[in-house]
PDB file of N, CA and C in Angstrom:
ATOM      1  N   UNK A   1     -18.248  28.815 -25.517  1.00  0.00           N
ATOM      2  CA  UNK A   1     -17.573  27.956 -24.570  1.00  0.00           C
ATOM      3  C   UNK A   1     -16.818  26.823 -25.258  1.00  0.00           C
ATOM      4  N   UNK A   2     -16.973  26.709 -26.555  1.00  0.00           N
ATOM      5  CA  UNK A   2     -16.281  25.652 -27.286  1.00  0.00           C
ATOM      6  C   UNK A   2     -15.039  26.206 -27.965  1.00  0.00           C
ATOM      7  N   UNK A   3     -14.030  25.377 -28.051  1.00  0.00           N
ATOM      8  CA  UNK A   3     -12.853  25.687 -28.847  1.00  0.00           C
ATOM      9  C   UNK A   3     -12.680  24.542 -29.831  1.00  0.00           C
ATOM     10  N   UNK A   4     -11.649  24.622 -30.624  1.00  0.00           N
ATOM     11  CA  UNK A   4     -11.403  23.557 -31.598  1.00  0.00           C
ATOM     12  C   UNK A   4     -11.213  22.201 -30.907  1.00  0.00           C
ATOM     13  N   UNK A   5     -10.651  22.215 -29.710  1.00  0.00           N
ATOM     14  CA  UNK A   5     -10.331  20.960 -29.019  1.00  0.00           C
ATOM     15  C   UNK A   5     -11.087  20.742 -27.720  1.00  0.00           C
ATOM     16  N   UNK A   6     -11.903  21.691 -27.324  1.00  0.00           N
ATOM     17  CA  UNK A   6     -12.548  21.607 -26.014  1.00  0.00           C
ATOM     18  C   UNK A   6     -14.024  21.966 -26.110  1.00  0.00           C
ATOM     19  N   UNK A   7     -14.850  21.191 -25.429  1.00  0.00           N
ATOM     20  CA  UNK A   7     -16.267  21.504 -25.272  1.00  0.00           C
ATOM     21  C   UNK A   7     -16.569  21.462 -23.785  1.00  0.00           C
ATOM     22  N   UNK A   8     -17.141  22.529 -23.256  1.00  0.00           N
ATOM     23  CA  UNK A   8     -17.474  22.575 -21.835  1.00  0.00           C
ATOM     24  C   UNK A   8     -18.938  22.206 -21.664  1.00  0.00           C
ATOM     25  N   UNK A   9     -19.173  21.217 -20.807  1.00  0.00           N
ATOM     26  CA  UNK A   9     -20.526  20.814 -20.456  1.00  0.00           C
ATOM     27  C   UNK A   9     -20.602  20.677 -18.945  1.00  0.00           C
ATOM     28  N   UNK A  10     -21.639  21.264 -18.364  1.00  0.00           N
ATOM     29  CA  UNK A  10     -21.827  21.272 -16.918  1.00  0.00           C
ATOM     30  C   UNK A  10     -22.784  20.152 -16.532  1.00  0.00           C
ATOM     31  N   UNK A  11     -22.430  19.475 -15.443  1.00  0.00           N
ATOM     32  CA  UNK A  11     -23.355  18.495 -14.862  1.00  0.00           C
ATOM     33  C   UNK A  11     -24.016  19.187 -13.680  1.00  0.00           C
ATOM     34  N   UNK A  12     -25.328  19.425 -13.758  1.00  0.00           N
ATOM     35  CA  UNK A  12     -25.998  20.143 -12.671  1.00  0.00           C
ATOM     36  C   UNK A  12     -26.096  19.288 -11.407  1.00  0.00           C
ATOM     37  N   UNK A  13     -26.171  19.955 -10.257  1.00  0.00           N
ATOM     38  CA  UNK A  13     -26.285  19.242  -8.986  1.00  0.00           C
ATOM     39  C   UNK A  13     -27.479  18.291  -8.984  1.00  0.00           C
ATOM     40  N   UNK A  14     -28.540  18.683  -9.684  1.00  0.00           N
ATOM     41  CA  UNK A  14     -29.753  17.871  -9.706  1.00  0.00           C
ATOM     42  C   UNK A  14     -29.522  16.486 -10.325  1.00  0.00           C
ATOM     43  N   UNK A  15     -28.442  16.325 -11.089  1.00  0.00           N
ATOM     44  CA  UNK A  15     -28.144  15.032 -11.713  1.00  0.00           C
ATOM     45  C   UNK A  15     -27.739  13.992 -10.676  1.00  0.00           C
ATOM     46  N   UNK A  16     -27.323  14.447  -9.500  1.00  0.00           N
ATOM     47  CA  UNK A  16     -26.897  13.513  -8.455  1.00  0.00           C
ATOM     48  C   UNK A  16     -25.548  12.896  -8.778  1.00  0.00           C
ATOM     49  N   UNK A  17     -25.318  11.713  -8.248  1.00  0.00           N
ATOM     50  CA  UNK A  17     -24.043  11.031  -8.476  1.00  0.00           C
ATOM     51  C   UNK A  17     -23.937  10.589  -9.926  1.00  0.00           C
ATOM     52  N   UNK A  18     -22.713  10.577 -10.430  1.00  0.00           N
ATOM     53  CA  UNK A  18     -22.475  10.115 -11.792  1.00  0.00           C
ATOM     54  C   UNK A  18     -21.128   9.418 -11.859  1.00  0.00           C
ATOM     55  N   UNK A  19     -20.878   8.707 -12.937  1.00  0.00           N
ATOM     56  CA  UNK A  19     -19.719   7.818 -13.053  1.00  0.00           C
ATOM     57  C   UNK A  19     -18.384   8.521 -12.903  1.00  0.00           C
ATOM     58  N   UNK A  20     -18.260   9.773 -13.304  1.00  0.00           N
ATOM     59  CA  UNK A  20     -16.974  10.448 -13.299  1.00  0.00           C
ATOM     60  C   UNK A  20     -16.636  11.203 -12.031  1.00  0.00           C
ATOM     61  N   UNK A  21     -17.389  11.014 -10.968  1.00  0.00           N
ATOM     62  CA  UNK A  21     -17.184  11.802  -9.751  1.00  0.00           C
ATOM     63  C   UNK A  21     -15.934  11.416  -8.964  1.00  0.00           C
ATOM     64  N   UNK A  22     -15.400  10.245  -9.222  1.00  0.00           N
ATOM     65  CA  UNK A  22     -14.338   9.738  -8.358  1.00  0.00           C
ATOM     66  C   UNK A  22     -12.940  10.216  -8.730  1.00  0.00           C
ATOM     67  N   UNK A  23     -12.807  11.128  -9.661  1.00  0.00           N
ATOM     68  CA  UNK A  23     -11.486  11.630 -10.012  1.00  0.00           C
ATOM     69  C   UNK A  23     -11.454  12.124 -11.442  1.00  0.00           C
ATOM     70  N   UNK A  24     -10.266  12.405 -11.903  1.00  0.00           N
ATOM     71  CA  UNK A  24     -10.076  12.906 -13.262  1.00  0.00           C
ATOM     72  C   UNK A  24      -9.656  11.751 -14.156  1.00  0.00           C
ATOM     73  N   UNK A  25     -10.310  11.620 -15.293  1.00  0.00           N
ATOM     74  CA  UNK A  25      -9.924  10.617 -16.282  1.00  0.00           C
ATOM     75  C   UNK A  25      -9.595  11.318 -17.582  1.00  0.00           C
ATOM     76  N   UNK A  26      -8.451  10.991 -18.125  1.00  0.00           N
ATOM     77  CA  UNK A  26      -8.032  11.517 -19.424  1.00  0.00           C
ATOM     78  C   UNK A  26      -7.930  10.337 -20.373  1.00  0.00           C
ATOM     79  N   UNK A  27      -8.632  10.417 -21.493  1.00  0.00           N
ATOM     80  CA  UNK A  27      -8.594   9.371 -22.510  1.00  0.00           C
ATOM     81  C   UNK A  27      -7.742   9.867 -23.671  1.00  0.00           C
ATOM     82  N   UNK A  28      -6.710   9.123 -23.999  1.00  0.00           N
ATOM     83  CA  UNK A  28      -5.782   9.513 -25.055  1.00  0.00           C
ATOM     84  C   UNK A  28      -5.891   8.545 -26.221  1.00  0.00           C
ATOM     85  N   UNK A  29      -6.139   9.066 -27.412  1.00  0.00           N
ATOM     86  CA  UNK A  29      -6.093   8.243 -28.617  1.00  0.00           C
ATOM     87  C   UNK A  29      -4.705   8.415 -29.224  1.00  0.00           C
ATOM     88  N   UNK A  30      -3.991   7.324 -29.341  1.00  0.00           N
ATOM     89  CA  UNK A  30      -2.602   7.341 -29.795  1.00  0.00           C
ATOM     90  C   UNK A  30      -2.522   7.235 -31.313  1.00  0.00           C
ATOM     91  N   UNK A  31      -1.351   7.521 -31.894  1.00  0.00           N
ATOM     92  CA  UNK A  31      -1.207   7.475 -33.362  1.00  0.00           C
ATOM     93  C   UNK A  31      -1.609   6.140 -33.981  1.00  0.00           C
ATOM     94  N   UNK A  32      -1.462   5.033 -33.228  1.00  0.00           N
ATOM     95  CA  UNK A  32      -1.860   3.729 -33.772  1.00  0.00           C
ATOM     96  C   UNK A  32      -3.358   3.471 -33.601  1.00  0.00           C
ATOM     97  N   UNK A  33      -4.100   4.509 -33.157  1.00  0.00           N
ATOM     98  CA  UNK A  33      -5.552   4.478 -32.959  1.00  0.00           C
ATOM     99  C   UNK A  33      -5.983   3.675 -31.724  1.00  0.00           C
ATOM    100  N   UNK A  34      -5.035   3.297 -30.877  1.00  0.00           N
ATOM    101  CA  UNK A  34      -5.385   2.659 -29.613  1.00  0.00           C
ATOM    102  C   UNK A  34      -5.720   3.761 -28.600  1.00  0.00           C
ATOM    103  N   UNK A  35      -6.385   3.367 -27.534  1.00  0.00           N
ATOM    104  CA  UNK A  35      -6.761   4.337 -26.504  1.00  0.00           C
ATOM    105  C   UNK A  35      -6.111   3.934 -25.186  1.00  0.00           C
ATOM    106  N   UNK A  36      -5.587   4.920 -24.488  1.00  0.00           N
ATOM    107  CA  UNK A  36      -5.008   4.750 -23.162  1.00  0.00           C
ATOM    108  C   UNK A  36      -5.775   5.660 -22.215  1.00  0.00           C
ATOM    109  N   UNK A  37      -5.985   5.193 -21.000  1.00  0.00           N
ATOM    110  CA  UNK A  37      -6.693   5.990 -19.992  1.00  0.00           C
ATOM    111  C   UNK A  37      -5.735   6.349 -18.870  1.00  0.00           C
ATOM    112  N   UNK A  38      -5.760   7.602 -18.471  1.00  0.00           N
ATOM    113  CA  UNK A  38      -5.016   8.062 -17.300  1.00  0.00           C
ATOM    114  C   UNK A  38      -6.045   8.519 -16.292  1.00  0.00           C
ATOM    115  N   UNK A  39      -5.997   7.935 -15.095  1.00  0.00           N
ATOM    116  CA  UNK A  39      -6.978   8.283 -14.078  1.00  0.00           C
ATOM    117  C   UNK A  39      -6.260   8.744 -12.823  1.00  0.00           C
ATOM    118  N   UNK A  40      -6.709   9.887 -12.287  1.00  0.00           N
ATOM    119  CA  UNK A  40      -6.135  10.459 -11.076  1.00  0.00           C
ATOM    120  C   UNK A  40      -7.166  10.466  -9.967  1.00  0.00           C
ATOM    121  N   UNK A  41      -6.702  10.133  -8.788  1.00  0.00           N
ATOM    122  CA  UNK A  41      -7.527  10.226  -7.594  1.00  0.00           C
ATOM    123  C   UNK A  41      -6.911  11.232  -6.647  1.00  0.00           C
ATOM    124  N   UNK A  42      -7.312  11.185  -5.397  1.00  0.00           N
ATOM    125  CA  UNK A  42      -6.828  12.143  -4.415  1.00  0.00           C
ATOM    126  C   UNK A  42      -5.330  12.102  -4.191  1.00  0.00           C
ATOM    127  N   UNK A  43      -4.743  10.928  -4.230  1.00  0.00           N
ATOM    128  CA  UNK A  43      -3.323  10.820  -3.891  1.00  0.00           C
ATOM    129  C   UNK A  43      -2.514  10.020  -4.901  1.00  0.00           C
ATOM    130  N   UNK A  44      -3.131   9.624  -6.013  1.00  0.00           N
ATOM    131  CA  UNK A  44      -2.380   8.802  -6.961  1.00  0.00           C
ATOM    132  C   UNK A  44      -2.948   8.955  -8.367  1.00  0.00           C
ATOM    133  N   UNK A  45      -2.182   8.461  -9.318  1.00  0.00           N
ATOM    134  CA  UNK A  45      -2.621   8.434 -10.703  1.00  0.00           C
ATOM    135  C   UNK A  45      -2.179   7.131 -11.337  1.00  0.00           C
ATOM    136  N   UNK A  46      -2.963   6.609 -12.246  1.00  0.00           N
ATOM    137  CA  UNK A  46      -2.647   5.346 -12.909  1.00  0.00           C
ATOM    138  C   UNK A  46      -2.889   5.469 -14.400  1.00  0.00           C
ATOM    139  N   UNK A  47      -2.125   4.712 -15.170  1.00  0.00           N
ATOM    140  CA  UNK A  47      -2.305   4.641 -16.620  1.00  0.00           C
ATOM    141  C   UNK A  47      -2.746   3.229 -16.961  1.00  0.00           C
ATOM    142  N   UNK A  48      -3.780   3.145 -17.786  1.00  0.00           N
ATOM    143  CA  UNK A  48      -4.329   1.846 -18.188  1.00  0.00           C
ATOM    144  C   UNK A  48      -4.317   1.748 -19.701  1.00  0.00           C
ATOM    145  N   UNK A  49      -3.868   0.608 -20.217  1.00  0.00           N
ATOM    146  CA  UNK A  49      -3.964   0.391 -21.654  1.00  0.00           C
ATOM    147  C   UNK A  49      -4.585  -0.958 -21.999  1.00  0.00           C
ATOM    148  N   UNK A  50      -5.002  -1.718 -20.961  1.00  0.00           N
ATOM    149  CA  UNK A  50      -5.678  -2.978 -21.256  1.00  0.00           C
ATOM    150  C   UNK A  50      -7.112  -2.701 -21.709  1.00  0.00           C
ATOM    151  N   UNK A  51      -7.577  -3.514 -22.628  1.00  0.00           N
ATOM    152  CA  UNK A  51      -8.877  -3.279 -23.275  1.00  0.00           C
ATOM    153  C   UNK A  51     -10.034  -3.212 -22.291  1.00  0.00           C
ATOM    154  N   UNK A  52     -10.029  -4.093 -21.289  1.00  0.00           N
ATOM    155  CA  UNK A  52     -11.156  -4.143 -20.353  1.00  0.00           C
ATOM    156  C   UNK A  52     -11.252  -2.845 -19.540  1.00  0.00           C
ATOM    157  N   UNK A  53     -10.137  -2.394 -18.994  1.00  0.00           N
ATOM    158  CA  UNK A  53     -10.153  -1.179 -18.172  1.00  0.00           C
ATOM    159  C   UNK A  53     -10.444   0.050 -19.020  1.00  0.00           C
ATOM    160  N   UNK A  54      -9.794   0.147 -20.179  1.00  0.00           N
ATOM    161  CA  UNK A  54     -10.044   1.293 -21.062  1.00  0.00           C
ATOM    162  C   UNK A  54     -11.503   1.299 -21.508  1.00  0.00           C
ATOM    163  N   UNK A  55     -12.049   0.134 -21.820  1.00  0.00           N
ATOM    164  CA  UNK A  55     -13.461   0.046 -22.199  1.00  0.00           C
ATOM    165  C   UNK A  55     -14.383   0.538 -21.092  1.00  0.00           C
ATOM    166  N   UNK A  56     -14.060   0.188 -19.838  1.00  0.00           N
ATOM    167  CA  UNK A  56     -14.872   0.653 -18.707  1.00  0.00           C
ATOM    168  C   UNK A  56     -14.769   2.165 -18.562  1.00  0.00           C
ATOM    169  N   UNK A  57     -13.568   2.722 -18.721  1.00  0.00           N
ATOM    170  CA  UNK A  57     -13.392   4.173 -18.613  1.00  0.00           C
ATOM    171  C   UNK A  57     -14.149   4.891 -19.747  1.00  0.00           C
ATOM    172  N   UNK A  58     -14.168   4.314 -20.936  1.00  0.00           N
ATOM    173  CA  UNK A  58     -14.928   4.894 -22.049  1.00  0.00           C
ATOM    174  C   UNK A  58     -16.430   4.874 -21.750  1.00  0.00           C
ATOM    175  N   UNK A  59     -16.921   3.783 -21.176  1.00  0.00           N
ATOM    176  CA  UNK A  59     -18.345   3.713 -20.806  1.00  0.00           C
ATOM    177  C   UNK A  59     -18.664   4.728 -19.705  1.00  0.00           C
ATOM    178  N   UNK A  60     -17.750   4.865 -18.727  1.00  0.00           N
ATOM    179  CA  UNK A  60     -17.954   5.868 -17.676  1.00  0.00           C
ATOM    180  C   UNK A  60     -18.018   7.267 -18.275  1.00  0.00           C
ATOM    181  N   UNK A  61     -17.142   7.546 -19.248  1.00  0.00           N
ATOM    182  CA  UNK A  61     -17.145   8.850 -19.917  1.00  0.00           C
ATOM    183  C   UNK A  61     -18.483   9.083 -20.620  1.00  0.00           C
ATOM    184  N   UNK A  62     -18.970   8.066 -21.332  1.00  0.00           N
ATOM    185  CA  UNK A  62     -20.254   8.187 -22.028  1.00  0.00           C
ATOM    186  C   UNK A  62     -21.390   8.452 -21.046  1.00  0.00           C
ATOM    187  N   UNK A  63     -21.380   7.751 -19.899  1.00  0.00           N
ATOM    188  CA  UNK A  63     -22.424   7.968 -18.887  1.00  0.00           C
ATOM    189  C   UNK A  63     -22.323   9.373 -18.285  1.00  0.00           C
ATOM    190  N   UNK A  64     -21.104   9.829 -18.056  1.00  0.00           N
ATOM    191  CA  UNK A  64     -20.899  11.171 -17.517  1.00  0.00           C
ATOM    192  C   UNK A  64     -21.416  12.219 -18.493  1.00  0.00           C
ATOM    193  N   UNK A  65     -21.064  12.062 -19.758  1.00  0.00           N
ATOM    194  CA  UNK A  65     -21.505  13.018 -20.773  1.00  0.00           C
ATOM    195  C   UNK A  65     -23.029  13.025 -20.900  1.00  0.00           C
ATOM    196  N   UNK A  66     -23.653  11.871 -20.720  1.00  0.00           N
ATOM    197  CA  UNK A  66     -25.117  11.788 -20.808  1.00  0.00           C
ATOM    198  C   UNK A  66     -25.799  12.552 -19.673  1.00  0.00           C
ATOM    199  N   UNK A  67     -25.118  12.725 -18.533  1.00  0.00           N
ATOM    200  CA  UNK A  67     -25.671  13.481 -17.400  1.00  0.00           C
ATOM    201  C   UNK A  67     -25.552  14.987 -17.599  1.00  0.00           C
ATOM    202  N   UNK A  68     -24.669  15.397 -18.498  1.00  0.00           N
ATOM    203  CA  UNK A  68     -24.344  16.819 -18.644  1.00  0.00           C
ATOM    204  C   UNK A  68     -25.376  17.567 -19.479  1.00  0.00           C
ATOM    205  N   UNK A  69     -25.449  18.863 -19.222  1.00  0.00           N
ATOM    206  CA  UNK A  69     -26.255  19.742 -20.071  1.00  0.00           C
ATOM    207  C   UNK A  69     -25.577  19.864 -21.430  1.00  0.00           C
ATOM    208  N   UNK A  70     -26.319  20.284 -22.421  1.00  0.00           N
ATOM    209  CA  UNK A  70     -25.729  20.539 -23.728  1.00  0.00           C
ATOM    210  C   UNK A  70     -24.710  21.675 -23.595  1.00  0.00           C
ATOM    211  N   UNK A  71     -23.808  21.820 -24.549  1.00  0.00           N
ATOM    212  CA  UNK A  71     -22.870  22.949 -24.483  1.00  0.00           C
ATOM    213  C   UNK A  71     -23.582  24.297 -24.406  1.00  0.00           C
ATOM    214  N   UNK A  72     -24.670  24.450 -25.130  1.00  0.00           N
ATOM    215  CA  UNK A  72     -25.413  25.712 -25.116  1.00  0.00           C
ATOM    216  C   UNK A  72     -26.053  25.955 -23.750  1.00  0.00           C
ATOM    217  N   UNK A  73     -26.702  24.931 -23.193  1.00  0.00           N
ATOM    218  CA  UNK A  73     -27.333  25.068 -21.875  1.00  0.00           C
ATOM    219  C   UNK A  73     -26.276  25.275 -20.794  1.00  0.00           C
ATOM    220  N   UNK A  74     -25.128  24.647 -20.955  1.00  0.00           N
ATOM    221  CA  UNK A  74     -24.032  24.844 -20.006  1.00  0.00           C
ATOM    222  C   UNK A  74     -23.558  26.289 -20.031  1.00  0.00           C
ATOM    223  N   UNK A  75     -23.399  26.850 -21.234  1.00  0.00           N
ATOM    224  CA  UNK A  75     -22.970  28.250 -21.356  1.00  0.00           C
ATOM    225  C   UNK A  75     -23.984  29.176 -20.706  1.00  0.00           C
ATOM    226  N   UNK A  76     -25.266  28.909 -20.902  1.00  0.00           N
ATOM    227  CA  UNK A  76     -26.328  29.730 -20.297  1.00  0.00           C
ATOM    228  C   UNK A  76     -26.253  29.654 -18.777  1.00  0.00           C
ATOM    229  N   UNK A  77     -26.051  28.454 -18.239  1.00  0.00           N
ATOM    230  CA  UNK A  77     -25.965  28.280 -16.788  1.00  0.00           C
ATOM    231  C   UNK A  77     -24.743  29.011 -16.226  1.00  0.00           C
ATOM    232  N   UNK A  78     -23.611  28.900 -16.893  1.00  0.00           N
ATOM    233  CA  UNK A  78     -22.392  29.579 -16.441  1.00  0.00           C
ATOM    234  C   UNK A  78     -22.576  31.096 -16.487  1.00  0.00           C
ATOM    235  N   UNK A  79     -23.162  31.601 -17.562  1.00  0.00           N
ATOM    236  CA  UNK A  79     -23.389  33.047 -17.684  1.00  0.00           C
ATOM    237  C   UNK A  79     -24.321  33.546 -16.586  1.00  0.00           C
ATOM    238  N   UNK A  80     -25.372  32.780 -16.295  1.00  0.00           N
ATOM    239  CA  UNK A  80     -26.303  33.180 -15.228  1.00  0.00           C
ATOM    240  C   UNK A  80     -25.597  33.182 -13.877  1.00  0.00           C
ATOM    241  N   UNK A  81     -24.759  32.192 -13.633  1.00  0.00           N
ATOM    242  CA  UNK A  81     -24.016  32.143 -12.366  1.00  0.00           C
ATOM    243  C   UNK A  81     -23.066  33.326 -12.254  1.00  0.00           C
ATOM    244  N   UNK A  82     -22.450  33.704 -13.374  1.00  0.00           N
ATOM    245  CA  UNK A  82     -21.528  34.849 -13.356  1.00  0.00           C
ATOM    246  C   UNK A  82     -22.269  36.155 -13.092  1.00  0.00           C
ATOM    247  N   UNK A  83     -23.473  36.284 -13.631  1.00  0.00           N
ATOM    248  CA  UNK A  83     -24.265  37.499 -13.403  1.00  0.00           C
ATOM    249  C   UNK A  83     -24.671  37.635 -11.942  1.00  0.00           C
ATOM    250  N   UNK A  84     -24.907  36.505 -11.284  1.00  0.00           N
ATOM    251  CA  UNK A  84     -25.333  36.515  -9.881  1.00  0.00           C
ATOM    252  C   UNK A  84     -24.163  36.489  -8.908  1.00  0.00           C
ATOM    253  N   UNK A  85     -22.960  36.439  -9.422  1.00  0.00           N
ATOM    254  CA  UNK A  85     -21.764  36.369  -8.579  1.00  0.00           C
ATOM    255  C   UNK A  85     -21.566  37.670  -7.820  1.00  0.00           C
ATOM    256  N   UNK A  86     -21.410  37.534  -6.536  1.00  0.00           N
ATOM    257  CA  UNK A  86     -21.126  38.702  -5.702  1.00  0.00           C
ATOM    258  C   UNK A  86     -19.721  38.537  -5.152  1.00  0.00           C
ATOM    259  N   UNK A  87     -18.872  39.524  -5.370  1.00  0.00           N
ATOM    260  CA  UNK A  87     -17.505  39.398  -4.872  1.00  0.00           C
ATOM    261  C   UNK A  87     -17.464  39.282  -3.352  1.00  0.00           C
ATOM    262  N   UNK A  88     -16.530  38.534  -2.890  1.00  0.00           N
ATOM    263  CA  UNK A  88     -16.333  38.409  -1.440  1.00  0.00           C
ATOM    264  C   UNK A  88     -15.651  39.668  -0.920  1.00  0.00           C
ATOM    265  N   UNK A  89     -15.978  40.016   0.288  1.00  0.00           N
ATOM    266  CA  UNK A  89     -15.300  41.143   0.901  1.00  0.00           C
ATOM    267  C   UNK A  89     -13.928  40.678   1.371  1.00  0.00           C
ATOM    268  N   UNK A  90     -12.946  41.510   1.146  1.00  0.00           N
ATOM    269  CA  UNK A  90     -11.598  41.197   1.600  1.00  0.00           C
ATOM    270  C   UNK A  90     -11.550  41.321   3.130  1.00  0.00           C
ATOM    271  N   UNK A  91     -10.838  40.412   3.776  1.00  0.00           N
ATOM    272  CA  UNK A  91     -10.736  40.502   5.231  1.00  0.00           C
ATOM    273  C   UNK A  91      -9.966  41.758   5.640  1.00  0.00           C
ATOM    274  N   UNK A  92     -10.382  42.362   6.704  1.00  0.00           N
ATOM    275  CA  UNK A  92      -9.707  43.549   7.237  1.00  0.00           C
ATOM    276  C   UNK A  92      -8.498  43.113   8.051  1.00  0.00           C
ATOM    277  N   UNK A  93      -7.357  43.689   7.719  1.00  0.00           N
ATOM    278  CA  UNK A  93      -6.138  43.317   8.462  1.00  0.00           C
ATOM    279  C   UNK A  93      -5.623  44.469   9.279  1.00  0.00           C
TER     280      UNK A  93
END
């Protein structure tokens, strides 16, 4: 489930609410080593580069990652879900 640039980790339902539930956050490290945060919600997206907001988004990311299963446990959970997947019946037209 890992690639050179991506690691997939699942947050199980049992974890309950967590910091990253309110939308998508993308953290970008720029060539000057600064970090910018892009956050999307239901109807809008914002870019933040001020230290306080970016710092909060980094802490939220750390808290979210702490709720997640390890990459190995995530892969096991995904594989088990795929094995139990039953295709939906197509509607009759």
